[in-house]
C-alpha atoms as a PDB file:
ATOM      1  CA  MET A   1      -0.091   0.080   0.172  1.00  0.00           C
ATOM      2  CA  SER A   2       1.390   3.467  -1.274  1.00  0.00           C
ATOM      3  CA  THR A   3       1.239   6.476   1.608  1.00  0.00           C
ATOM      4  CA  VAL A   4       1.392   9.952   0.763  1.00  0.00           C
ATOM      5  CA  SER A   5       1.442  12.451   3.423  1.00  0.00           C
ATOM      6  CA  VAL A   6       0.617  16.105   2.687  1.00  0.00           C
ATOM      7  CA  TYR A   7       1.276  19.047   4.718  1.00  0.00           C
ATOM      8  CA  PHE A   8      -0.278  22.375   4.327  1.00  0.00           C
ATOM      9  CA  VAL A   9       1.644  25.046   6.243  1.00  0.00           C
ATOM     10  CA  ALA A  10       1.206  28.388   6.774  1.00  0.00           C
ATOM     11  CA  SER A  11       3.820  29.602   9.510  1.00  0.00           C
ATOM     12  CA  PRO A  12       7.615  28.663  10.431  1.00  0.00           C
ATOM     13  CA  LEU A  13       6.359  26.960  13.564  1.00  0.00           C
ATOM     14  CA  GLN A  14       3.920  24.807  11.404  1.00  0.00           C
ATOM     15  CA  LEU A  15       6.660  24.164   8.971  1.00  0.00           C
ATOM     16  CA  LEU A  16       8.971  22.488  11.881  1.00  0.00           C
ATOM     17  CA  ALA A  17       6.057  20.902  13.376  1.00  0.00           C
ATOM     18  CA  ALA A  18       5.777  19.139   9.913  1.00  0.00           C
ATOM     19  CA  GLN A  19       9.288  18.251   9.495  1.00  0.00           C
ATOM     20  CA  GLN A  20       9.348  16.408  12.703  1.00  0.00           C
ATOM     21  CA  ILE A  21       6.129  14.655  11.656  1.00  0.00           C
ATOM     22  CA  ALA A  22       7.674  13.537   8.518  1.00  0.00           C
ATOM     23  CA  ARG A  23      10.792  12.156  10.331  1.00  0.00           C
ATOM     24  CA  THR A  24       9.186  10.368  13.160  1.00  0.00           C
ATOM     25  CA  HIS A  25       5.605   9.471  12.651  1.00  0.00           C
ATOM     26  CA  GLU A  26       5.087   9.644   8.915  1.00  0.00           C
ATOM     27  CA  ALA A  27       8.376   8.011   8.410  1.00  0.00           C
ATOM     28  CA  GLY A  28       8.309   5.701   5.257  1.00  0.00           C
ATOM     29  CA  SER A  29       5.481   7.955   3.473  1.00  0.00           C
ATOM     30  CA  ARG A  30       6.087   9.962   0.629  1.00  0.00           C
ATOM     31  CA  GLN A  31       6.719  13.580   1.945  1.00  0.00           C
ATOM     32  CA  VAL A  32       4.667  16.131  -0.052  1.00  0.00           C
ATOM     33  CA  LEU A  33       4.920  19.794   1.428  1.00  0.00           C
ATOM     34  CA  ILE A  34       2.691  22.667   0.709  1.00  0.00           C
ATOM     35  CA  TRP A  35       3.022  26.215   1.785  1.00  0.00           C
ATOM     36  CA  TYR A  36       0.807  28.968   1.082  1.00  0.00           C
ATOM     37  CA  GLN A  37       1.813  31.822   2.766  1.00  0.00           C
ATOM     38  CA  ARG A  38       5.052  33.292   1.237  1.00  0.00           C
ATOM     39  CA  GLY A  39       6.858  34.224   4.154  1.00  0.00           C
ATOM     40  CA  VAL A  40       7.424  30.630   5.105  1.00  0.00           C
ATOM     41  CA  GLY A  41       9.429  29.940   1.521  1.00  0.00           C
ATOM     42  CA  PRO A  42      12.631  31.046   2.617  1.00  0.00           C
ATOM     43  CA  HIS A  43      12.493  28.389   5.264  1.00  0.00           C
ATOM     44  CA  VAL A  44      11.888  25.391   3.357  1.00  0.00           C
ATOM     45  CA  HIS A  45      14.786  23.424   2.242  1.00  0.00           C
ATOM     46  CA  ALA A  46      13.493  21.178  -0.712  1.00  0.00           C
ATOM     47  CA  ALA A  47      15.998  18.547   0.210  1.00  0.00           C
ATOM     48  CA  ASP A  48      13.948  17.577   3.296  1.00  0.00           C
ATOM     49  CA  TRP A  49      10.969  16.518   0.934  1.00  0.00           C
ATOM     50  CA  ASP A  50      10.270  14.347  -1.733  1.00  0.00           C
ATOM     51  CA  THR A  51       8.424  17.155  -3.421  1.00  0.00           C
ATOM     52  CA  SER A  52       7.207  20.764  -2.447  1.00  0.00           C
ATOM     53  CA  ALA A  53       5.672  23.999  -3.667  1.00  0.00           C
ATOM     54  CA  TYR A  54       3.913  27.341  -2.937  1.00  0.00           C
ATOM     55  CA  MET A  55       0.128  27.200  -3.288  1.00  0.00           C
ATOM     56  CA  PRO A  56      -1.648  30.674  -3.636  1.00  0.00           C
ATOM     57  CA  ARG A  57      -4.395  31.315  -1.720  1.00  0.00           C
ATOM     58  CA  ALA A  58      -7.778  31.742  -3.475  1.00  0.00           C
ATOM     59  CA  ARG A  59      -8.744  34.835  -1.592  1.00  0.00           C
ATOM     60  CA  GLN A  60      -5.515  36.958  -1.681  1.00  0.00           C
ATOM     61  CA  GLU A  61      -4.107  35.418  -5.294  1.00  0.00           C
ATOM     62  CA  PRO A  62      -7.176  34.876  -7.046  1.00  0.00           C
ATOM     63  CA  LEU A  63      -6.735  34.070 -11.156  1.00  0.00           C
ATOM     64  CA  PRO A  64      -7.753  36.707 -13.346  1.00  0.00           C
ATOM     65  CA  GLY A  65     -11.135  37.408 -14.845  1.00  0.00           C
ATOM     66  CA  TRP A  66     -14.385  35.897 -13.700  1.00  0.00           C
ATOM     67  CA  PHE A  67     -14.708  33.417 -10.906  1.00  0.00           C
ATOM     68  CA  GLY A  68     -11.007  33.736 -10.180  1.00  0.00           C
ATOM     69  CA  GLY A  69     -11.135  32.728  -6.921  1.00  0.00           C
ATOM     70  CA  GLN A  70     -13.165  29.303  -7.631  1.00  0.00           C
ATOM     71  CA  ARG A  71     -10.573  29.070 -10.846  1.00  0.00           C
ATOM     72  CA  ARG A  72      -7.718  29.275  -7.861  1.00  0.00           C
ATOM     73  CA  LEU A  73      -9.060  26.610  -5.889  1.00  0.00           C
ATOM     74  CA  LEU A  74      -9.442  24.280  -8.701  1.00  0.00           C
ATOM     75  CA  ALA A  75      -5.848  25.133 -10.080  1.00  0.00           C
ATOM     76  CA  ASN A  76      -4.708  24.288  -6.420  1.00  0.00           C
ATOM     77  CA  ILE A  77      -6.202  20.913  -6.525  1.00  0.00           C
ATOM     78  CA  ASN A  78      -4.858  20.191 -10.081  1.00  0.00           C
ATOM     79  CA  LEU A  79      -1.293  21.853  -8.462  1.00  0.00           C
ATOM     80  CA  VAL A  80      -1.444  19.341  -5.261  1.00  0.00           C
ATOM     81  CA  ALA A  81      -2.729  16.136  -7.004  1.00  0.00           C
ATOM     82  CA  GLY A  82      -0.054  16.546  -9.427  1.00  0.00           C
ATOM     83  CA  LEU A  83       2.802  16.398  -6.660  1.00  0.00           C
ATOM     84  CA  VAL A  84       0.744  13.494  -4.872  1.00  0.00           C
ATOM     85  CA  GLY A  85       0.408  11.004  -8.100  1.00  0.00           C
ATOM     86  CA  ARG A  86      -1.357   8.148  -7.488  1.00  0.00           C
ATOM     87  CA  CYS A  87      -1.514   6.301  -3.999  1.00  0.00           C
ATOM     88  CA  ASP A  88      -3.555   3.972  -1.909  1.00  0.00           C
ATOM     89  CA  THR A  89      -3.651   6.104   1.405  1.00  0.00           C
ATOM     90  CA  LEU A  90      -3.499   9.951   1.790  1.00  0.00           C
ATOM     91  CA  HIS A  91      -2.562  11.819   5.150  1.00  0.00           C
ATOM     92  CA  LEU A  92      -3.527  15.403   4.936  1.00  0.00           C
ATOM     93  CA  HIS A  93      -1.935  17.672   7.565  1.00  0.00           C
ATOM     94  CA  SER A  94      -2.972  21.058   8.421  1.00  0.00           C
ATOM     95  CA  ALA A  95      -3.375  23.648  11.619  1.00  0.00           C
ATOM     96  CA  VAL A  96      -7.291  24.023  10.439  1.00  0.00           C
ATOM     97  CA  PHE A  97      -9.707  22.515   8.408  1.00  0.00           C
ATOM     98  CA  ASP A  98     -12.555  24.868   8.307  1.00  0.00           C
ATOM     99  CA  SER A  99     -11.038  27.003   5.586  1.00  0.00           C
ATOM    100  CA  GLU A 100     -11.916  26.906   2.037  1.00  0.00           C
ATOM    101  CA  ALA A 101      -8.355  26.882   1.410  1.00  0.00           C
ATOM    102  CA  ILE A 102      -7.380  23.443   2.691  1.00  0.00           C
ATOM    103  CA  ASN A 103     -11.209  21.812   3.352  1.00  0.00           C
ATOM    104  CA  TYR A 104     -11.692  21.282  -0.538  1.00  0.00           C
ATOM    105  CA  PHE A 105      -8.826  18.872  -0.579  1.00  0.00           C
ATOM    106  CA  LEU A 106     -10.420  16.631   1.802  1.00  0.00           C
ATOM    107  CA  ARG A 107     -12.833  15.084  -0.879  1.00  0.00           C
ATOM    108  CA  ALA A 108     -11.213  16.317  -4.136  1.00  0.00           C
ATOM    109  CA  LEU A 109      -7.738  15.006  -3.802  1.00  0.00           C
ATOM    110  CA  PRO A 110      -8.356  11.484  -3.023  1.00  0.00           C
ATOM    111  CA  ALA A 111     -10.828  11.113  -6.070  1.00  0.00           C
ATOM    112  CA  ARG A 112      -8.128  12.601  -8.225  1.00  0.00           C
ATOM    113  CA  CYS A 113      -5.239  10.508  -6.565  1.00  0.00           C
ATOM    114  CA  GLY A 114      -7.093   7.148  -6.395  1.00  0.00           C
ATOM    115  CA  ALA A 115      -6.796   6.797  -2.787  1.00  0.00           C
ATOM    116  CA  SER A 116      -9.282   4.637  -0.898  1.00  0.00           C
ATOM    117  CA  THR A 117      -8.323   6.008   2.599  1.00  0.00           C
ATOM    118  CA  LEU A 118      -8.003   9.381   3.777  1.00  0.00           C
ATOM    119  CA  ARG A 119      -6.891  10.607   7.226  1.00  0.00           C
ATOM    120  CA  ALA A 120      -6.705  14.217   8.248  1.00  0.00           C
ATOM    121  CA  ARG A 121      -4.203  15.151  11.200  1.00  0.00           C
ATOM    122  CA  ILE A 122      -4.081  18.633  12.854  1.00  0.00           C
ATOM    123  CA  LEU A 123      -0.583  20.549  12.787  1.00  0.00           C
ATOM    124  CA  PRO A 124       0.070  22.418  16.578  1.00  0.00           C
ATOM    125  CA  ASP A 125      -0.254  26.290  15.785  1.00  0.00           C
ATOM    126  CA  GLY A 126       1.107  28.173  18.775  1.00  0.00           C
ATOM    127  CA  LEU A 127      -1.034  29.446  21.461  1.00  0.00           C
ATOM    128  CA  ILE A 128      -4.382  28.960  19.145  1.00  0.00           C
ATOM    129  CA  SER A 129      -3.602  24.868  19.816  1.00  0.00           C
ATOM    130  CA  ILE A 130      -4.175  25.534  23.647  1.00  0.00           C
ATOM    131  CA  ARG A 131      -7.940  25.609  23.386  1.00  0.00           C
ATOM    132  CA  ARG A 132     -11.038  24.193  21.562  1.00  0.00           C
ATOM    133  CA  TYR A 133     -13.115  26.614  19.524  1.00  0.00           C
ATOM    134  CA  PRO A 134     -16.470  25.422  19.103  1.00  0.00           C
ATOM    135  CA  LEU A 135     -18.093  26.465  15.586  1.00  0.00           C
ATOM    136  CA  SER A 136     -20.762  29.287  16.110  1.00  0.00           C
ATOM    137  CA  PRO A 137     -23.991  29.541  14.358  1.00  0.00           C
ATOM    138  CA  ILE A 138     -22.722  31.689  11.796  1.00  0.00           C
ATOM    139  CA  LYS A 139     -19.333  29.874  11.216  1.00  0.00           C
ATOM    140  CA  ALA A 140     -21.539  26.546  10.946  1.00  0.00           C
ATOM    141  CA  ALA A 141     -23.796  28.144   8.205  1.00  0.00           C
ATOM    142  CA  LEU A 142     -20.999  29.541   6.041  1.00  0.00           C
ATOM    143  CA  GLN A 143     -19.747  26.012   5.757  1.00  0.00           C
ATOM    144  CA  TRP A 144     -22.685  24.858   4.065  1.00  0.00           C
ATOM    145  CA  PHE A 145     -22.677  28.318   1.727  1.00  0.00           C
ATOM    146  CA  ARG A 146     -19.295  26.869   0.729  1.00  0.00           C
ATOM    147  CA  LYS A 147     -21.005  23.590  -0.724  1.00  0.00           C
ATOM    148  CA  PHE A 148     -22.787  25.847  -3.366  1.00  0.00           C
ATOM    149  CA  ARG A 149     -19.363  25.912  -5.161  1.00  0.00           C
ATOM    150  CA  ARG A 150     -20.177  22.741  -6.324  1.00  0.00           C
ATOM    151  CA  LEU A 151     -22.964  23.437  -8.440  1.00  0.00           C
ATOM    152  CA  LEU A 152     -20.405  25.026 -11.148  1.00  0.00           C
ATOM    153  CA  SER A 153     -17.587  22.663 -10.040  1.00  0.00           C
ATOM    154  CA  PRO A 154     -18.310  19.201  -8.811  1.00  0.00           C
ATOM    155  CA  SER A 155     -14.899  18.811  -7.470  1.00  0.00           C
ATOM    156  CA  LEU A 156     -15.430  21.593  -5.051  1.00  0.00           C
ATOM    157  CA  ASN A 157     -17.593  19.880  -2.204  1.00  0.00           C
ATOM    158  CA  TYR A 158     -16.883  21.383   1.050  1.00  0.00           C
ATOM    159  CA  TRP A 159     -16.742  18.815   3.529  1.00  0.00           C
ATOM    160  CA  VAL A 160     -19.062  19.967   6.538  1.00  0.00           C
ATOM    161  CA  PHE A 161     -18.338  19.242   9.846  1.00  0.00           C
ATOM    162  CA  GLN A 162     -19.450  20.299  13.432  1.00  0.00           C
ATOM    163  CA  GLY A 163     -17.517  20.850  16.928  1.00  0.00           C
ATOM    164  CA  ASP A 164     -14.284  22.335  17.101  1.00  0.00           C
ATOM    165  CA  ARG A 165     -13.307  24.754  14.493  1.00  0.00           C
ATOM    166  CA  ILE A 166     -10.082  23.331  13.371  1.00  0.00           C
ATOM    167  CA  GLY A 167     -11.501  20.035  12.537  1.00  0.00           C
ATOM    168  CA  SER A 168     -10.481  18.197  15.729  1.00  0.00           C
ATOM    169  CA  ASP A 169     -13.954  16.869  16.544  1.00  0.00           C
ATOM    170  CA  ALA A 170     -14.635  15.677  12.877  1.00  0.00           C
ATOM    171  CA  PRO A 171     -14.980  11.971  11.652  1.00  0.00           C
ATOM    172  CA  PHE A 172     -12.023  12.719   8.871  1.00  0.00           C
ATOM    173  CA  CYS A 173      -9.527  13.545  11.778  1.00  0.00           C
ATOM    174  CA  ASP A 174      -7.509  10.788  13.425  1.00  0.00           C
ATOM    175  CA  ARG A 175      -4.672  12.652  15.209  1.00  0.00           C
ATOM    176  CA  VAL A 176      -4.161  16.082  16.700  1.00  0.00           C
ATOM    177  CA  TYR A 177      -0.658  16.493  17.350  1.00  0.00           C
ATOM    178  CA  VAL A 178       0.213  18.927  20.174  1.00  0.00           C
ATOM    179  CA  LEU A 179       3.554  20.616  21.453  1.00  0.00           C
ATOM    180  CA  ALA A 180       5.325  18.956  24.327  1.00  0.00           C
ATOM    181  CA  GLY A 181       4.930  20.442  27.562  1.00  0.00           C
ATOM    182  CA  TRP A 182       2.057  22.306  26.619  1.00  0.00           C
ATOM    183  CA  PRO A 183      -1.680  22.383  27.966  1.00  0.00           C
ATOM    184  CA  HIS A 184      -4.636  21.419  25.547  1.00  0.00           C
ATOM    185  CA  GLU A 185      -8.277  20.630  25.330  1.00  0.00           C
ATOM    186  CA  TYR A 186      -8.408  17.854  23.001  1.00  0.00           C
ATOM    187  CA  ASP A 187      -9.678  14.601  22.919  1.00  0.00           C
ATOM    188  CA  PRO A 188      -7.036  12.341  24.711  1.00  0.00           C
ATOM    189  CA  ALA A 189      -7.737   9.497  22.257  1.00  0.00           C
ATOM    190  CA  LYS A 190      -6.681  11.480  19.442  1.00  0.00           C
ATOM    191  CA  VAL A 191      -3.491  13.473  20.756  1.00  0.00           C
ATOM    192  CA  VAL A 192      -0.363  12.427  19.751  1.00  0.00           C
ATOM    193  CA  VAL A 193       2.620  14.606  21.782  1.00  0.00           C
ATOM    194  CA  LEU A 194       5.964  15.676  19.488  1.00  0.00           C
ATOM    195  CA  GLU A 195       8.995  15.556  20.346  1.00  0.00           C
ATOM    196  CA  PRO A 196      10.538  18.946  20.915  1.00  0.00           C
ATOM    197  CA  LEU A 197      10.827  20.908  17.725  1.00  0.00           C
ATOM    198  CA  ALA A 198      14.043  22.042  18.178  1.00  0.00           C
ATOM    199  CA  GLN A 199      16.614  20.968  20.877  1.00  0.00           C
ATOM    200  CA  ARG A 200      18.191  23.294  23.518  1.00  0.00           C
ATOM    201  CA  GLY A 201      21.832  24.302  22.724  1.00  0.00           C
ATOM    202  CA  GLU A 202      24.680  23.087  25.083  1.00  0.00           C
ATOM    203  CA  PRO A 203      24.063  23.889  28.475  1.00  0.00           C
ATOM    204  CA  GLY A 204      26.007  26.601  30.523  1.00  0.00           C
ATOM    205  CA  ALA A 205      25.314  30.091  32.248  1.00  0.00           C
ATOM    206  CA  VAL A 206      24.800  33.055  30.476  1.00  0.00           C
ATOM    207  CA  ASP A 207      27.792  35.123  29.691  1.00  0.00           C
ATOM    208  CA  GLU A 208      27.383  38.283  31.758  1.00  0.00           C
ATOM    209  CA  ALA A 209      30.137  39.723  29.866  1.00  0.00           C
ATOM    210  CA  ALA A 210      27.808  39.652  26.633  1.00  0.00           C
ATOM    211  CA  PRO A 211      25.275  41.785  27.834  1.00  0.00           C
ATOM    212  CA  ARG A 212      22.712  40.966  24.761  1.00  0.00           C
ATOM    213  CA  ALA A 213      18.952  40.729  24.786  1.00  0.00           C
ATOM    214  CA  LEU A 214      16.373  39.714  22.149  1.00  0.00           C
ATOM    215  CA  VAL A 215      13.166  41.510  21.630  1.00  0.00           C
ATOM    216  CA  ILE A 216      10.278  39.627  20.199  1.00  0.00           C
ATOM    217  CA  GLY A 217       7.702  41.817  18.169  1.00  0.00           C
ATOM    218  CA  GLN A 218       4.475  41.200  16.894  1.00  0.00           C
ATOM    219  CA  PRO A 219       1.725  43.432  15.464  1.00  0.00           C
ATOM    220  CA  LEU A 220       0.044  44.887  18.550  1.00  0.00           C
ATOM    221  CA  ALA A 221      -1.680  48.279  17.497  1.00  0.00           C
ATOM    222  CA  GLY A 222      -1.908  47.175  13.922  1.00  0.00           C
ATOM    223  CA  ALA A 223      -4.248  43.880  15.249  1.00  0.00           C
ATOM    224  CA  GLY A 224      -6.120  46.028  17.574  1.00  0.00           C
ATOM    225  CA  LEU A 225      -4.330  44.480  20.651  1.00  0.00           C
ATOM    226  CA  MET A 226      -3.656  47.939  21.989  1.00  0.00           C
ATOM    227  CA  SER A 227      -3.856  51.260  21.335  1.00  0.00           C
ATOM    228  CA  GLU A 228      -0.832  53.000  19.542  1.00  0.00           C
ATOM    229  CA  SER A 229      -0.105  55.158  22.965  1.00  0.00           C
ATOM    230  CA  ASP A 230      -0.088  51.928  25.173  1.00  0.00           C
ATOM    231  CA  ARG A 231       1.872  49.996  22.314  1.00  0.00           C
ATOM    232  CA  ASP A 232       4.599  53.037  22.548  1.00  0.00           C
ATOM    233  CA  ALA A 233       4.455  53.046  26.277  1.00  0.00           C
ATOM    234  CA  VAL A 234       5.139  49.288  26.264  1.00  0.00           C
ATOM    235  CA  ALA A 235       7.961  49.422  23.980  1.00  0.00           C
ATOM    236  CA  LEU A 236       9.458  52.322  25.954  1.00  0.00           C
ATOM    237  CA  GLU A 237       9.196  49.775  29.571  1.00  0.00           C
ATOM    238  CA  ILE A 238      10.883  47.336  27.924  1.00  0.00           C
ATOM    239  CA  GLU A 239      13.667  49.617  26.816  1.00  0.00           C
ATOM    240  CA  GLN A 240      14.158  51.075  30.228  1.00  0.00           C
ATOM    241  CA  TRP A 241      13.728  47.641  31.691  1.00  0.00           C
ATOM    242  CA  LEU A 242      16.890  46.376  29.614  1.00  0.00           C
ATOM    243  CA  ALA A 243      18.700  49.290  30.198  1.00  0.00           C
ATOM    244  CA  ALA A 244      18.437  48.592  34.074  1.00  0.00           C
ATOM    245  CA  HIS A 245      19.903  45.631  33.759  1.00  0.00           C
ATOM    246  CA  GLY A 246      22.745  46.521  31.949  1.00  0.00           C
ATOM    247  CA  ILE A 247      21.830  45.021  28.606  1.00  0.00           C
ATOM    248  CA  THR A 248      23.338  47.329  25.769  1.00  0.00           C
ATOM    249  CA  GLN A 249      23.202  44.825  22.980  1.00  0.00           C
ATOM    250  CA  ILE A 250      19.353  44.373  21.476  1.00  0.00           C
ATOM    251  CA  ASP A 251      18.319  42.418  18.862  1.00  0.00           C
ATOM    252  CA  TYR A 252      14.792  43.002  17.431  1.00  0.00           C
ATOM    253  CA  LYS A 253      12.857  40.192  15.532  1.00  0.00           C
ATOM    254  CA  GLY A 254       9.344  40.988  14.221  1.00  0.00           C
ATOM    255  CA  HIS A 255       6.618  38.905  13.251  1.00  0.00           C
ATOM    256  CA  PRO A 256       6.036  38.294   9.877  1.00  0.00           C
ATOM    257  CA  LYS A 257       2.832  40.425   9.729  1.00  0.00           C
ATOM    258  CA  ASP A 258       4.965  43.053  11.996  1.00  0.00           C
ATOM    259  CA  ALA A 259       5.908  45.287   9.191  1.00  0.00           C
ATOM    260  CA  ARG A 260       6.153  48.170  11.477  1.00  0.00           C
ATOM    261  CA  CYS A 261       8.388  46.877  13.812  1.00  0.00           C
ATOM    262  CA  GLU A 262       6.144  48.159  16.482  1.00  0.00           C
ATOM    263  CA  LEU A 263       8.517  47.289  19.668  1.00  0.00           C
ATOM    264  CA  CYS A 264      11.593  48.095  17.982  1.00  0.00           C
ATOM    265  CA  ARG A 265      13.347  51.291  19.275  1.00  0.00           C
ATOM    266  CA  PRO A 266      16.440  53.147  18.051  1.00  0.00           C
ATOM    267  CA  GLY A 267      19.431  51.376  18.546  1.00  0.00           C
ATOM    268  CA  TYR A 268      18.267  47.915  18.077  1.00  0.00           C
ATOM    269  CA  ARG A 269      19.393  45.700  15.462  1.00  0.00           C
ATOM    270  CA  VAL A 270      16.774  44.358  13.426  1.00  0.00           C
ATOM    271  CA  LEU A 271      17.244  40.472  12.487  1.00  0.00           C
ATOM    272  CA  GLU A 272      16.892  39.180   9.236  1.00  0.00           C
ATOM    273  CA  LEU A 273      16.871  35.282   9.656  1.00  0.00           C
ATOM    274  CA  ASP A 274      17.176  32.284   7.071  1.00  0.00           C
ATOM    275  CA  GLU A 275      15.787  29.921   9.716  1.00  0.00           C
ATOM    276  CA  PRO A 276      12.549  29.953  11.787  1.00  0.00           C
ATOM    277  CA  LEU A 277      13.298  31.641  15.217  1.00  0.00           C
ATOM    278  CA  GLU A 278      12.664  28.771  17.456  1.00  0.00           C
ATOM    279  CA  LEU A 279      15.705  27.312  15.621  1.00  0.00           C
ATOM    280  CA  TRP A 280      17.962  30.718  16.059  1.00  0.00           C
ATOM    281  CA  LEU A 281      16.830  30.486  20.044  1.00  0.00           C
ATOM    282  CA  SER A 282      18.501  26.947  19.983  1.00  0.00           C
ATOM    283  CA  HIS A 283      21.725  27.923  19.224  1.00  0.00           C
ATOM    284  CA  THR A 284      21.994  31.688  20.293  1.00  0.00           C
ATOM    285  CA  THR A 285      22.437  32.771  23.854  1.00  0.00           C
ATOM    286  CA  TYR A 286      20.639  35.873  25.219  1.00  0.00           C
ATOM    287  CA  ARG A 287      20.681  37.378  28.854  1.00  0.00           C
ATOM    288  CA  ALA A 288      17.258  38.159  28.247  1.00  0.00           C
ATOM    289  CA  VAL A 289      14.377  37.592  25.437  1.00  0.00           C
ATOM    290  CA  VAL A 290      11.377  39.976  25.997  1.00  0.00           C
ATOM    291  CA  GLY A 291       7.967  40.654  23.863  1.00  0.00           C
ATOM    292  CA  VAL A 292       4.372  40.743  24.899  1.00  0.00           C
ATOM    293  CA  ARG A 293       2.282  37.523  24.234  1.00  0.00           C
ATOM    294  CA  SER A 294       3.922  35.965  21.345  1.00  0.00           C
ATOM    295  CA  THR A 295       4.240  32.396  21.052  1.00  0.00           C
ATOM    296  CA  ALA A 296       8.052  32.682  20.697  1.00  0.00           C
ATOM    297  CA  LEU A 297       8.547  33.599  24.360  1.00  0.00           C
ATOM    298  CA  LEU A 298       7.334  29.987  25.106  1.00  0.00           C
ATOM    299  CA  PHE A 299       9.716  28.662  22.935  1.00  0.00           C
ATOM    300  CA  ALA A 300      12.513  30.837  24.425  1.00  0.00           C
ATOM    301  CA  ARG A 301      11.734  29.604  27.873  1.00  0.00           C
ATOM    302  CA  GLN A 302      12.016  25.933  26.528  1.00  0.00           C
ATOM    303  CA  LEU A 303      15.085  26.416  24.271  1.00  0.00           C
ATOM    304  CA  ALA A 304      17.243  29.487  26.073  1.00  0.00           C
ATOM    305  CA  ALA A 305      20.195  28.658  28.804  1.00  0.00           C
ATOM    306  CA  GLU A 306      18.756  28.575  32.113  1.00  0.00           C
ATOM    307  CA  GLY A 307      20.080  31.794  33.560  1.00  0.00           C
ATOM    308  CA  THR A 308      18.194  33.469  30.590  1.00  0.00           C
ATOM    309  CA  ALA A 309      15.356  36.037  31.456  1.00  0.00           C
ATOM    310  CA  VAL A 310      12.045  35.210  29.556  1.00  0.00           C
ATOM    311  CA  VAL A 311       9.715  38.060  30.421  1.00  0.00           C
ATOM    312  CA  ALA A 312       6.474  39.218  28.829  1.00  0.00           C
ATOM    313  CA  PHE A 313       5.241  43.070  28.939  1.00  0.00           C
ATOM    314  CA  GLY A 314       1.956  44.990  28.533  1.00  0.00           C
ATOM    315  CA  TRP A 315      -0.588  42.413  29.861  1.00  0.00           C
ATOM    316  CA  ASP A 316      -2.342  44.899  31.655  1.00  0.00           C
ATOM    317  CA  ARG A 317      -2.748  47.022  28.260  1.00  0.00           C
ATOM    318  CA  THR A 318      -3.198  44.296  25.976  1.00  0.00           C
ATOM    319  CA  ARG A 319      -6.994  43.839  24.657  1.00  0.00           C
ATOM    320  CA  PHE A 320      -8.304  39.901  24.969  1.00  0.00           C
ATOM    321  CA  LYS A 321     -10.959  38.519  23.082  1.00  0.00           C
ATOM    322  CA  SER A 322     -12.559  37.191  26.563  1.00  0.00           C
ATOM    323  CA  ALA A 323     -11.682  36.546  30.018  1.00  0.00           C
ATOM    324  CA  ASP A 324     -11.214  33.003  29.182  1.00  0.00           C
ATOM    325  CA  GLU A 325      -8.702  33.512  26.402  1.00  0.00           C
ATOM    326  CA  ARG A 326      -6.592  35.828  29.034  1.00  0.00           C
ATOM    327  CA  ASN A 327      -6.961  32.830  31.773  1.00  0.00           C
ATOM    328  CA  ASP A 328      -5.897  30.351  29.081  1.00  0.00           C
ATOM    329  CA  MET A 329      -2.872  32.373  28.194  1.00  0.00           C
ATOM    330  CA  GLN A 330      -2.142  33.167  31.322  1.00  0.00           C
ATOM    331  CA  SER A 331      -1.923  29.236  32.332  1.00  0.00           C
ATOM    332  CA  VAL A 332       0.509  28.458  29.696  1.00  0.00           C
ATOM    333  CA  PHE A 333       2.621  30.822  30.001  1.00  0.00           C
ATOM    334  CA  ASP A 334       2.657  30.321  34.161  1.00  0.00           C
ATOM    335  CA  HIS A 335       3.005  26.623  33.392  1.00  0.00           C
ATOM    336  CA  ILE A 336       5.870  27.123  30.554  1.00  0.00           C
ATOM    337  CA  GLY A 337       7.613  29.700  33.197  1.00  0.00           C
ATOM    338  CA  VAL A 338       7.634  32.762  31.423  1.00  0.00           C
ATOM    339  CA  LYS A 339       7.561  35.821  33.943  1.00  0.00           C
ATOM    340  CA  GLN A 340       5.284  38.524  33.467  1.00  0.00           C
ATOM    341  CA  ARG A 341       6.020  42.597  34.383  1.00  0.00           C
END
């Protein structure tokens, strides 16, 4: 029986998880990587996969002319089916299946590739993966609306499901991969815990003669998480805290969506990395790693030297969607050992 594992990834973290799964849990399968956010491309090493390609999203990059989004969805099915080829079993990996960019593959790809068995598996996606997100009535209705595409294109047959938005409760999902040491709310019968995505570097104390810190940025005012005045106050608080601790060499790593480098201050060195930040943290020593509520702070605590201070700032100024969201994030930050100011 020939098995092909397909990984749809949209972030460096999902890419690292896919690499770990391909090496271990899917060893022996043919490995096909599809990335659908352009920022992931520089981190992809073709030699790690049997085949790989970028897939444009229909909403962001529709084909020219009438029904450009619909024709892009069909073109993406043709693209991935061509890379997969004929097989008996398909394992589709994605962080979410309530997305038109991915969901249509659940029915279309087995039919195109001759596969008699389909299994869908959930990739971890940072802080989003610590809790379940039940589909709202509006979201559930939208799924049925997406089935209307089948009237024009029979292969675009959306697989409607209930329960958790990412698809963890759906009948097509048999595994939910979670990160080692992170809490979650998924069905224990489906959960598979991944080994660490990166290995901590050689143990040792932080070099006090090298007062170096990393500020991890993310869109704050731009994402509606803070007002601009609060964002500026937090950026200043971080700068003053670093100065008070005698740290004079400061690197800044922005999020792919942090085009404005919102927490960056004059004198910071902006990093342009050719590897995921998680790998960078595993071999680069800092006296402190700081930010607001970025997932990277959690990885920093797990990967950085024992003497590295990992600190989150500005939660008193941050807008959370709900008290439950704040409490859940507080729980995981406390569990991993990230301190708060």
